[in-house]
Protein backbone atom coordinates (compact mmCIF):
# COMPACT_ATOMS: atom_id res chain seq x y z
CA UNK A 1 -2.26 19.46 -6.91
CA UNK A 2 -2.07 17.43 -10.00
CA UNK A 3 -5.06 16.85 -12.17
CA UNK A 4 -4.01 13.02 -12.99
CA UNK A 5 -3.48 12.46 -9.23
CA UNK A 6 -6.64 13.92 -8.49
CA UNK A 7 -8.59 11.62 -11.43
CA UNK A 8 -6.68 8.60 -9.71
CA UNK A 9 -7.09 9.32 -6.66
CA UNK A 10 -11.25 9.54 -7.25
CA UNK A 11 -11.10 6.45 -9.18
CA UNK A 12 -9.54 4.68 -6.47
CA UNK A 13 -11.28 5.46 -4.00
CA UNK A 14 -14.65 4.72 -6.19
CA UNK A 15 -12.97 1.42 -7.17
CA UNK A 16 -12.11 0.29 -3.55
CA UNK A 17 -15.55 0.30 -3.02
CA UNK A 18 -17.08 -3.82 -2.76
CA UNK A 19 -18.95 -3.81 -5.80
CA UNK A 20 -22.27 -4.15 -3.82
CA UNK A 21 -23.34 -0.64 -4.41
CA UNK A 22 -24.00 2.27 -2.03
CA UNK A 23 -24.68 1.18 1.45
CA UNK A 24 -26.29 3.68 4.17
CA UNK A 25 -22.86 3.20 6.53
CA UNK A 26 -22.42 6.37 8.76
CA UNK A 27 -19.63 8.65 7.30
CA UNK A 28 -15.89 8.07 9.28
CA UNK A 29 -15.02 11.45 10.48
CA UNK A 30 -11.57 12.70 11.03
CA UNK A 31 -10.79 15.33 13.14
CA UNK A 32 -7.07 16.85 12.51
CA UNK A 33 -5.96 19.96 14.28
CA UNK A 34 -4.14 22.50 11.97
CA UNK A 35 -0.97 22.10 14.01
CA UNK A 36 -1.17 18.03 13.27
CA UNK A 37 -2.02 18.87 9.74
CA UNK A 38 1.19 20.84 9.40
CA UNK A 39 3.29 17.85 11.23
CA UNK A 40 2.45 15.07 9.70
CA UNK A 41 2.56 17.41 6.04
CA UNK A 42 6.13 17.76 6.87
CA UNK A 43 7.03 14.61 8.16
CA UNK A 44 7.63 15.07 11.77
CA UNK A 45 7.48 12.52 14.51
CA UNK A 46 5.83 9.74 11.77
CA UNK A 47 6.63 6.91 12.83
CA UNK A 48 7.20 4.98 8.93
CA UNK A 49 9.95 5.86 6.59
CA UNK A 50 8.71 8.19 4.33
CA UNK A 51 9.66 8.22 0.74
CA UNK A 52 9.58 9.91 -2.44
CA UNK A 53 9.62 7.75 -5.47
CA UNK A 54 13.23 7.72 -5.86
CA UNK A 55 13.64 6.28 -2.14
CA UNK A 56 11.58 3.73 -2.59
CA UNK A 57 12.11 2.46 -6.09
CA UNK A 58 15.46 0.24 -4.24
CA UNK A 59 12.83 -1.36 -2.36
CA UNK A 60 11.30 -2.39 -5.98
CA UNK A 61 14.50 -3.45 -7.31
CA UNK A 62 16.49 -5.62 -4.33
CA UNK A 63 18.70 -8.42 -6.03
CA UNK A 64 19.12 -11.23 -3.30
CA UNK A 65 17.50 -14.57 -2.32
CA UNK A 66 14.03 -13.08 -0.39
CA UNK A 67 10.94 -12.90 -2.53
CA UNK A 68 9.36 -9.65 -1.80
CA UNK A 69 5.74 -8.56 -1.41
CA UNK A 70 5.16 -5.14 -1.94
CA UNK A 71 1.71 -3.78 -1.64
CA UNK A 72 0.28 -0.56 -2.13
CA UNK A 73 -3.12 0.75 -0.11
CA UNK A 74 -4.24 3.73 2.10
CA UNK A 75 -6.31 3.32 5.02
CA UNK A 76 -9.18 5.06 3.38
CA UNK A 77 -9.65 1.84 0.79
CA UNK A 78 -11.68 -0.88 1.75
CA UNK A 79 -10.31 -3.85 -0.15
CA UNK A 80 -7.12 -2.60 0.72
CA UNK A 81 -7.86 -3.13 4.05
CA UNK A 82 -9.77 -6.30 3.73
CA UNK A 83 -6.86 -8.12 2.16
CA UNK A 84 -4.35 -6.90 4.72
CA UNK A 85 -4.16 -9.53 6.90
CA UNK A 86 -3.83 -11.98 4.30
CA UNK A 87 -0.91 -10.54 3.58
CA UNK A 88 0.13 -10.11 7.62
CA UNK A 89 -0.64 -14.35 7.96
CA UNK A 90 1.28 -15.39 4.41
CA UNK A 91 4.36 -12.83 5.76
CA UNK A 92 4.39 -14.82 9.02
CA UNK A 93 3.66 -18.21 7.31
CA UNK A 94 6.47 -17.58 4.91
CA UNK A 95 9.08 -16.01 7.05
CA UNK A 96 11.45 -18.75 6.83
CA UNK A 97 10.68 -19.22 3.19
CA UNK A 98 12.35 -15.99 3.01
CA UNK A 99 9.65 -13.72 2.02
CA UNK A 100 9.31 -10.48 2.94
CA UNK A 101 6.21 -7.93 3.08
CA UNK A 102 6.26 -4.12 2.77
CA UNK A 103 3.01 -2.40 3.02
CA UNK A 104 3.29 0.98 0.96
CA UNK A 105 0.83 3.34 2.23
CA UNK A 106 -0.47 5.89 0.01
CA UNK A 107 -2.08 7.81 2.96
CA UNK A 108 -2.10 12.22 2.31
CA UNK A 109 0.24 13.66 4.92
CA UNK A 110 -3.09 14.70 6.89
CA UNK A 111 -3.87 11.15 7.36
CA UNK A 112 -0.16 9.29 8.56
CA UNK A 113 -0.80 10.34 12.02
CA UNK A 114 -4.52 10.66 12.25
CA UNK A 115 -5.28 7.23 10.78
CA UNK A 116 -1.92 5.52 9.27
CA UNK A 117 -0.32 5.16 12.77
CA UNK A 118 -3.38 4.28 14.84
CA UNK A 119 -4.48 1.52 12.20
CA UNK A 120 -1.44 0.07 12.14
CA UNK A 121 -1.14 -0.04 15.75
CA UNK A 122 -4.49 -1.38 16.55
CA UNK A 123 -4.45 -4.19 13.96
CA UNK A 124 -0.72 -5.03 15.35
CA UNK A 125 0.36 -4.90 11.83
CA UNK A 126 4.59 -6.59 11.83
CA UNK A 127 4.95 -6.09 8.48
CA UNK A 128 7.17 -3.25 7.10
CA UNK A 129 4.93 0.06 6.38
CA UNK A 130 6.57 2.99 4.73
CA UNK A 131 4.90 6.08 3.49
CA UNK A 132 5.39 7.31 -0.58
CA UNK A 133 4.95 10.31 -0.74
CA UNK A 134 5.65 11.46 -3.94
CA UNK A 135 3.12 14.08 -6.02
CA UNK A 136 4.64 12.86 -9.54
CA UNK A 137 2.70 10.35 -9.84
CA UNK A 138 2.27 10.02 -13.78
CA UNK A 139 6.19 9.88 -13.92
CA UNK A 140 6.78 7.09 -10.51
CA UNK A 141 3.08 4.74 -11.59
CA UNK A 142 4.18 2.99 -15.08
CA UNK A 143 8.05 2.87 -13.28
CA UNK A 144 5.67 0.26 -11.02
CA UNK A 145 4.54 -1.55 -14.04
CA UNK A 146 3.76 0.03 -17.04
CA UNK A 147 0.23 -0.96 -17.15
CA UNK A 148 -1.00 -0.02 -13.91
CA UNK A 149 -3.64 3.21 -13.90
CA UNK A 150 -2.77 3.54 -10.58
CA UNK A 151 -6.11 2.44 -8.68
CA UNK A 152 -5.41 0.61 -5.35
CA UNK A 153 -4.80 -2.25 -4.39
CA UNK A 154 -1.91 -2.63 -6.31
CA UNK A 155 0.80 -5.41 -5.22
CA UNK A 156 3.97 -6.37 -7.07
CA UNK A 157 5.69 -9.68 -6.27
CA UNK A 158 8.96 -10.12 -7.19
CA UNK A 159 12.49 -12.39 -6.83
CA UNK A 160 14.98 -10.95 -8.55
CA UNK A 161 14.42 -10.60 -12.07
CA UNK A 162 11.08 -12.65 -11.56
CA UNK A 163 8.19 -9.95 -11.44
CA UNK A 164 4.13 -10.02 -11.46
CA UNK A 165 1.75 -7.09 -10.75
CA UNK A 166 -2.06 -7.53 -9.70
CA UNK A 167 -4.05 -4.64 -10.00
CA UNK A 168 -6.46 -6.70 -7.75
CA UNK A 169 -7.17 -7.52 -4.10
CA UNK A 170 -6.52 -11.15 -2.92
CA UNK A 171 -7.80 -13.46 -0.64
CA UNK A 172 -5.50 -15.69 1.44
CA UNK A 173 -5.24 -18.48 -1.20
CA UNK A 174 -4.69 -16.54 -4.30
CA UNK A 175 -2.10 -14.70 -2.30
CA UNK A 176 -0.53 -18.38 -1.68
CA UNK A 177 -1.18 -19.87 -5.32
CA UNK A 178 0.86 -16.68 -6.91
CA UNK A 179 3.84 -17.07 -3.96
CA UNK A 180 4.72 -20.38 -5.07
CA UNK A 181 5.42 -19.51 -8.03
CA UNK A 182 8.01 -17.31 -6.20
CA UNK A 183 9.29 -19.75 -3.66
CA UNK A 184 9.54 -23.28 -5.12
């Protein structure tokens, strides 16, 4: 595995804390059978589209009359999970204004069936969910945004040539303020 990816992943996990210091919570244990891990790693039976960056990139550059909110997240990232309801709410409320939310999961292959699918189902997520599975992070991260260090949550909002990238979590109110600049 690429050393930079491991570093970015480690920093992301640490950065995904709530900023209040360590908590004494029971660790979450995910039990994954060897068969399930092998099946997930090759994408068989996964309910969401799986892209390498080349396949995902067209979703980041659509040239139509929609405003796109592309959120990079993972089920292991607490701030990501905290902001997902806001993306869901804004996506539902702004549907008539041609706003489309796409949630790009950065979960690891062994998590797709055991964590990602159950999470999306249990939370009733209606936004489009896709999986980005591309180990060449050094190449694709700067293509999303040149200043992005790879930490999540991260969100790209764009409409045609107008683009804003945010490397932080959102509140519902903050997301609406930013979105107003795209749908007016």
